[in-house]
Amino acid sequence: MNLEEYFARTGYKGSTEKQDLETLTNIFQHHIRAVPFENLSIHCGEKITLELEHVYNKIVRRKRGGWCMENNQLLGWVLKGLGYDTSFLGAYVFNPHQNAYATLMTHLVVKVVIDGKAYVVDGGFGVSYQMWQPMELVSGKEQPQAPGVFRFTEKNGVWYLEKMRRKQYIPNQSFSNSDLLEKKECRKVYMFSLEPRTVEDFRFQCTYLQTSPDSLFTKKSICALQTTDGFRALIGWTLTETTYNYKENMDLVEFVTLEDEEVEKTLKEKFNITLERKLVPINVKGSYTI
């Protein structure tokens, strides 16, 4: 495991001498545009484990992606290796279909402190809720980014992340009422406290999320990758390509339904993923929006 091999994987060629916000942002953006957010292991007979060496081999050497516990653990290791002041936090994800936050802490994020200022770095959420820049940990401040306007609010020691999106233009009107489409313009994303966490705090959740019939991740095969102007996602057989702000205050959202034989080819061409085992796509309706 070495940083040079990781940077070759993400294509980052910038300086690593300064532990400043600009460098952090650059490293982070290279990660989210090279490493997909994906749970495909669950749907091709592989087990997801949290051992850092396993995560490193999967993402860096096998050129796969991962979910938050993999992506953000790897990012945390990279940033710590470069000398950043980093720690892990645990979050409870909002479920729009239940209109409630999860009762299980399933989302791992990285906190980075630079010159006394705290930032949240989250490279493991995917789709339109994936931040593109580290977010300053301040309450009530709107933080505009290419995907939309993000904002933290804090109440009684609990922090909440929400995102306001633009209007959406969907050329393929047969998808205009898709359950994958987020209908609200302001969406709660997750809540968390500033209590430091370790990877050990996520062992149970890692097993539960890939085995329980109630888990979102057993109900949907997901692969999402950020691009220079939006993101693309393959959920079951549905390929979505979103272009941010393609017209003034409007995002372009393009949908297409793939045939079985197109899925693996699309994973290779659109996400640079080659699976070692046969993928069985799945997309049970509900519980996930883009």
Protein backbone atom coordinates (compact mmCIF):
# COMPACT_ATOMS: atom_id res chain seq x y z
CA MET A 1 0.00 0.00 0.00
CA ASN A 2 1.50 3.32 -1.02
CA LEU A 3 0.28 6.81 -1.85
CA GLU A 4 1.91 6.90 -5.29
CA GLU A 5 -0.12 3.90 -6.41
CA TYR A 6 -3.30 5.49 -5.06
CA PHE A 7 -2.59 8.75 -6.93
CA ALA A 8 -1.95 6.79 -10.12
CA ARG A 9 -5.41 5.25 -9.64
CA THR A 10 -7.11 8.65 -9.29
CA GLY A 11 -4.93 10.50 -11.81
CA TYR A 12 -3.83 13.13 -9.30
CA LYS A 13 -0.52 14.72 -10.30
CA GLY A 14 -0.52 17.83 -8.10
CA SER A 15 1.60 18.72 -5.12
CA THR A 16 1.30 16.88 -1.83
CA GLU A 17 3.66 19.16 0.08
CA LYS A 18 1.05 21.49 1.59
CA GLN A 19 -1.69 20.34 3.92
CA ASP A 20 -4.02 23.13 2.80
CA LEU A 21 -7.63 23.33 1.61
CA GLU A 22 -6.73 23.73 -2.05
CA THR A 23 -4.67 20.53 -2.08
CA LEU A 24 -7.33 18.68 -0.12
CA THR A 25 -10.03 19.76 -2.58
CA ASN A 26 -7.95 18.71 -5.58
CA ILE A 27 -7.17 15.26 -4.15
CA PHE A 28 -10.81 14.81 -3.17
CA GLN A 29 -12.17 15.73 -6.61
CA HIS A 30 -9.80 13.33 -8.33
CA HIS A 31 -11.06 10.57 -6.03
CA ILE A 32 -14.79 11.06 -6.68
CA ARG A 33 -14.23 11.28 -10.46
CA ALA A 34 -12.15 8.10 -10.59
CA VAL A 35 -13.60 5.87 -7.87
CA PRO A 36 -17.30 4.99 -8.17
CA PHE A 37 -19.74 4.77 -5.31
CA GLU A 38 -20.95 1.19 -5.77
CA ASN A 39 -22.30 -1.89 -4.02
CA LEU A 40 -21.86 -4.35 -6.90
CA SER A 41 -20.00 -6.87 -4.73
CA ILE A 42 -23.29 -7.71 -3.00
CA HIS A 43 -24.86 -8.60 -6.35
CA CYS A 44 -22.03 -10.65 -7.78
CA GLY A 45 -21.34 -12.95 -4.85
CA GLU A 46 -18.48 -11.08 -3.18
CA LYS A 47 -18.24 -10.13 0.48
CA ILE A 48 -17.51 -6.52 1.45
CA THR A 49 -15.00 -6.33 4.29
CA LEU A 50 -13.57 -3.30 6.09
CA GLU A 51 -9.93 -4.35 6.42
CA LEU A 52 -7.97 -1.43 4.97
CA GLU A 53 -5.63 -3.65 2.93
CA HIS A 54 -8.64 -5.35 1.34
CA VAL A 55 -10.25 -1.97 0.59
CA TYR A 56 -6.98 -0.72 -0.90
CA ASN A 57 -6.59 -3.78 -3.15
CA LYS A 58 -10.19 -3.56 -4.31
CA ILE A 59 -10.22 0.16 -5.16
CA VAL A 60 -6.61 0.85 -6.13
CA ARG A 61 -5.42 -2.40 -7.69
CA ARG A 62 -8.65 -3.94 -8.97
CA LYS A 63 -9.97 -0.51 -10.02
CA ARG A 64 -13.32 -1.01 -8.35
CA GLY A 65 -15.36 1.42 -6.28
CA GLY A 66 -17.01 1.00 -2.92
CA TRP A 67 -19.55 2.37 -0.50
CA CYS A 68 -18.87 4.96 2.21
CA MET A 69 -17.05 2.63 4.61
CA GLU A 70 -14.60 1.76 1.84
CA ASN A 71 -14.24 5.06 -0.03
CA ASN A 72 -13.97 7.26 3.04
CA GLN A 73 -11.76 4.86 4.95
CA LEU A 74 -9.32 4.90 2.03
CA LEU A 75 -9.55 8.70 1.74
CA GLY A 76 -8.90 9.04 5.47
CA TRP A 77 -5.82 6.82 5.16
CA VAL A 78 -4.51 8.90 2.24
CA LEU A 79 -5.05 12.23 4.01
CA LYS A 80 -3.51 11.00 7.24
CA GLY A 81 -0.52 9.73 5.29
CA LEU A 82 -0.08 13.22 3.83
CA GLY A 83 -0.11 14.78 7.29
CA TYR A 84 -3.68 16.06 7.53
CA ASP A 85 -5.44 16.14 10.90
CA THR A 86 -8.19 13.61 10.21
CA SER A 87 -10.81 11.63 12.12
CA PHE A 88 -13.92 9.59 11.31
CA LEU A 89 -17.51 10.53 12.13
CA GLY A 90 -20.67 8.42 11.91
CA ALA A 91 -23.93 9.57 10.31
CA TYR A 92 -27.56 8.48 10.11
CA VAL A 93 -28.89 8.68 6.55
CA PHE A 94 -32.27 10.24 5.74
CA ASN A 95 -34.79 7.97 3.98
CA PRO A 96 -37.09 10.15 1.85
CA HIS A 97 -39.68 7.41 1.41
CA GLN A 98 -40.06 7.00 5.19
CA ASN A 99 -39.47 10.71 5.82
CA ALA A 100 -37.14 9.79 8.69
CA TYR A 101 -33.48 9.35 9.56
CA ALA A 102 -32.20 5.79 9.90
CA THR A 103 -31.91 4.40 13.41
CA LEU A 104 -28.66 2.66 12.51
CA MET A 105 -25.40 4.62 12.07
CA THR A 106 -24.47 3.40 8.61
CA HIS A 107 -22.56 6.29 7.03
CA LEU A 108 -18.86 6.94 7.67
CA VAL A 109 -17.42 10.38 6.84
CA VAL A 110 -14.05 12.06 7.31
CA LYS A 111 -13.46 15.20 9.34
CA VAL A 112 -10.35 17.23 8.49
CA VAL A 113 -9.04 20.18 10.50
CA ILE A 114 -6.93 22.79 8.67
CA ASP A 115 -5.61 25.87 10.49
CA GLY A 116 -8.18 25.42 13.23
CA LYS A 117 -11.13 25.11 10.82
CA ALA A 118 -13.05 21.81 10.60
CA TYR A 119 -14.26 20.39 7.30
CA VAL A 120 -16.34 17.36 6.36
CA VAL A 121 -14.93 15.32 3.48
CA ASP A 122 -17.36 12.72 2.17
CA GLY A 123 -16.39 10.73 -0.90
CA GLY A 124 -18.91 7.98 -0.34
CA PHE A 125 -22.46 9.16 -0.88
CA GLY A 126 -22.81 9.15 -4.66
CA VAL A 127 -25.39 10.50 -7.12
CA SER A 128 -26.55 14.13 -6.72
CA TYR A 129 -25.91 14.21 -2.96
CA GLN A 130 -22.18 13.73 -3.45
CA MET A 131 -20.39 16.91 -2.38
CA TRP A 132 -17.68 18.09 -4.75
CA GLN A 133 -15.69 20.13 -2.24
CA PRO A 134 -14.88 19.73 1.44
CA MET A 135 -17.61 21.44 3.45
CA GLU A 136 -16.74 23.81 6.26
CA LEU A 137 -18.34 22.61 9.47
CA VAL A 138 -20.34 25.72 10.31
CA SER A 139 -24.05 25.91 11.08
CA GLY A 140 -26.49 27.79 8.85
CA LYS A 141 -24.03 28.81 6.13
CA GLU A 142 -25.07 28.06 2.55
CA GLN A 143 -22.19 26.44 0.66
CA PRO A 144 -22.87 26.52 -3.12
CA GLN A 145 -21.17 23.84 -5.19
CA ALA A 146 -21.69 22.52 -8.73
CA PRO A 147 -24.23 19.86 -7.59
CA GLY A 148 -26.33 22.49 -5.75
CA VAL A 149 -26.35 24.35 -2.45
CA PHE A 150 -25.34 22.35 0.62
CA ARG A 151 -25.90 23.49 4.20
CA PHE A 152 -25.14 22.23 7.69
CA THR A 153 -27.34 23.14 10.62
CA GLU A 154 -26.58 22.25 14.23
CA LYS A 155 -29.08 21.74 17.03
CA ASN A 156 -28.25 20.45 20.53
CA GLY A 157 -24.97 18.93 19.36
CA VAL A 158 -26.52 17.15 16.37
CA TRP A 159 -25.49 18.26 12.89
CA TYR A 160 -27.77 18.00 9.86
CA LEU A 161 -26.76 18.10 6.18
CA GLU A 162 -29.25 19.16 3.53
CA LYS A 163 -29.03 19.99 -0.14
CA MET A 164 -31.03 22.32 -2.36
CA ARG A 165 -31.11 21.33 -6.02
CA ARG A 166 -31.99 23.06 -9.25
CA LYS A 167 -35.02 22.34 -11.40
CA GLN A 168 -34.70 19.26 -13.57
CA TYR A 169 -35.29 18.77 -17.30
CA ILE A 170 -36.05 15.16 -18.23
CA PRO A 171 -36.16 14.64 -22.04
CA ASN A 172 -37.45 11.06 -21.70
CA GLN A 173 -40.87 11.83 -20.26
CA SER A 174 -41.58 8.17 -19.53
CA PHE A 175 -39.19 8.63 -16.59
CA SER A 176 -40.70 11.92 -15.37
CA ASN A 177 -42.47 10.13 -12.51
CA SER A 178 -39.70 7.62 -11.80
CA ASP A 179 -39.35 6.69 -8.14
CA LEU A 180 -35.62 7.31 -8.61
CA LEU A 181 -36.25 11.04 -9.12
CA GLU A 182 -36.15 13.27 -6.06
CA LYS A 183 -39.25 15.47 -6.18
CA LYS A 184 -38.35 17.92 -3.40
CA GLU A 185 -36.04 20.83 -4.14
CA CYS A 186 -34.61 20.80 -0.61
CA ARG A 187 -33.59 17.37 0.63
CA LYS A 188 -32.29 16.18 4.00
CA VAL A 189 -29.21 13.99 3.51
CA TYR A 190 -27.95 12.79 6.92
CA MET A 191 -27.38 13.74 10.55
CA PHE A 192 -24.30 13.16 12.72
CA SER A 193 -22.50 14.14 15.90
CA LEU A 194 -18.86 15.14 16.29
CA GLU A 195 -18.04 12.08 18.40
CA PRO A 196 -14.95 10.47 16.85
CA ARG A 197 -15.59 6.99 15.44
CA THR A 198 -13.41 4.10 14.35
CA VAL A 199 -13.90 1.55 11.59
CA GLU A 200 -14.74 -0.95 14.33
CA ASP A 201 -17.93 1.03 15.00
CA PHE A 202 -19.18 -0.03 11.55
CA ARG A 203 -18.53 -3.81 11.62
CA PHE A 204 -22.12 -4.79 12.38
CA GLN A 205 -23.54 -2.29 9.89
CA CYS A 206 -21.26 -3.55 7.13
CA THR A 207 -22.61 -7.07 7.56
CA TYR A 208 -26.22 -5.96 8.02
CA LEU A 209 -26.30 -3.72 4.93
CA GLN A 210 -25.12 -6.50 2.62
CA THR A 211 -27.27 -9.30 4.05
CA SER A 212 -30.56 -7.91 5.40
CA PRO A 213 -33.59 -8.05 3.07
CA ASP A 214 -34.55 -4.66 4.57
CA SER A 215 -31.32 -3.03 3.42
CA LEU A 216 -31.38 -0.59 0.53
CA PHE A 217 -28.18 -2.17 -0.73
CA THR A 218 -29.66 -5.65 -1.11
CA LYS A 219 -32.65 -4.16 -2.96
CA LYS A 220 -30.67 -2.19 -5.54
CA SER A 221 -27.46 -2.69 -7.48
CA ILE A 222 -25.86 0.75 -7.60
CA CYS A 223 -22.86 2.23 -9.38
CA ALA A 224 -22.41 6.02 -9.52
CA LEU A 225 -19.51 8.18 -10.68
CA GLN A 226 -19.04 11.93 -10.65
CA THR A 227 -17.96 13.58 -13.91
CA THR A 228 -16.55 17.03 -14.67
CA ASP A 229 -20.06 18.42 -15.23
CA GLY A 230 -22.42 16.09 -13.36
CA PHE A 231 -22.67 12.40 -12.58
CA ARG A 232 -23.75 9.10 -14.09
CA ALA A 233 -25.42 6.24 -12.27
CA LEU A 234 -26.46 2.68 -13.07
CA ILE A 235 -29.20 1.46 -10.75
CA GLY A 236 -30.42 -1.98 -11.70
CA TRP A 237 -30.88 -1.65 -15.46
CA THR A 238 -31.51 2.12 -15.42
CA LEU A 239 -28.64 4.32 -16.60
CA THR A 240 -28.91 7.97 -15.61
CA GLU A 241 -26.64 10.77 -16.83
CA THR A 242 -27.05 14.16 -15.18
CA THR A 243 -25.51 17.41 -16.39
CA TYR A 244 -25.50 20.16 -13.77
CA ASN A 245 -26.73 23.63 -14.72
CA TYR A 246 -26.88 22.83 -18.44
CA LYS A 247 -29.30 25.77 -18.69
CA GLU A 248 -29.68 28.57 -16.20
CA ASN A 249 -30.67 27.00 -12.86
CA MET A 250 -31.67 23.71 -14.53
CA ASP A 251 -30.08 20.26 -14.58
CA LEU A 252 -30.42 17.85 -17.49
CA VAL A 253 -31.37 14.31 -16.37
CA GLU A 254 -31.23 11.64 -19.08
CA PHE A 255 -32.55 8.12 -18.51
CA VAL A 256 -32.18 4.93 -20.53
CA THR A 257 -33.12 1.33 -19.74
CA LEU A 258 -30.45 -1.24 -20.56
CA GLU A 259 -30.84 -4.82 -21.72
CA ASP A 260 -29.12 -7.54 -19.67
CA GLU A 261 -26.31 -7.90 -22.19
CA GLU A 262 -25.59 -4.15 -22.09
CA VAL A 263 -24.98 -3.91 -18.34
CA GLU A 264 -21.39 -5.18 -18.14
CA LYS A 265 -20.37 -3.27 -21.26
CA THR A 266 -21.82 -0.08 -19.77
CA LEU A 267 -19.98 -0.65 -16.48
CA LYS A 268 -16.72 -0.88 -18.42
CA GLU A 269 -17.34 2.07 -20.77
CA LYS A 270 -19.03 4.50 -18.37
CA PHE A 271 -17.49 3.55 -15.01
CA ASN A 272 -14.23 1.78 -15.95
CA ILE A 273 -15.32 -1.26 -13.92
CA THR A 274 -14.65 -4.84 -14.93
CA LEU A 275 -16.22 -7.39 -12.60
CA GLU A 276 -14.62 -10.75 -11.90
CA ARG A 277 -17.96 -12.42 -11.22
CA LYS A 278 -21.35 -12.31 -12.90
CA LEU A 279 -23.51 -9.37 -11.80
CA VAL A 280 -27.21 -9.94 -11.11
CA PRO A 281 -28.80 -6.47 -11.41
CA ILE A 282 -31.69 -5.58 -9.11
CA ASN A 283 -33.88 -2.53 -8.60
CA VAL A 284 -36.71 -2.93 -6.10
CA LYS A 285 -38.82 0.23 -6.23
CA GLY A 286 -38.61 2.85 -3.48
CA SER A 287 -36.12 3.99 -0.82
CA TYR A 288 -33.54 5.62 -3.12
CA THR A 289 -33.49 8.87 -5.09
CA ILE A 290 -30.95 10.59 -7.28
